[in-house]
Amino acid sequence: MRALVVYDSMYGNTEQVAQAIAAALEPDGSVRAVKVDQVSPQDLMGLDALVVGSPVQAWRPSKAIRAFLSDLPDKALAGVKAAAFDTRYKSRLSGSAADRIQKELRKAGCTIIAPAAAFIVIDSEGPLAEGELDRATAWAEQIRGAVTPAV
């Protein structure tokens, strides 16, 4: 499987989730987690799966993730299976970055294969709530199952 996990992270919480997802998607380590400002156009070529994550900032994805997604041409990722996640406070007032990410991934032609996921941080700078990395791993295993056919 050729997959990429693209993320933005201010305090390292979203990066921790992205790394856990990448490790669960491909246990041999061939799936990469890449910070959004390090993604090149070549990274997006020939993907089977793309996972995009962001902290919730002002009720939406970070500015860097919004720019990354808006730069994707319509249908440029046709056939790529995708999923979105965010990190946020437990409050319902925090908004959802993942829902907005999913919308943009669909516009780029991706097929969404998992419900948007939210991973909870305890304070503005973290840490992640207990068990969130385990939840990220379980979520990624569902994605892996949707991307790789059972043998």
Foldseek 3Di string as FASTA:
>chain_A
DEEEEEEADDQCQFVLLSVLLQCLLDVVNNYYYYYLVPDDPVSLPPAQEYEYEAEQDPQAGDPSLVVSLVPQAFLQNANHEYFYEYEYAPDPPSHGHRVVSVVSCVRNRHHYQAHYYYWYAHDPNGDTPPPRSVVSSVRSNSVSPVRDDDD
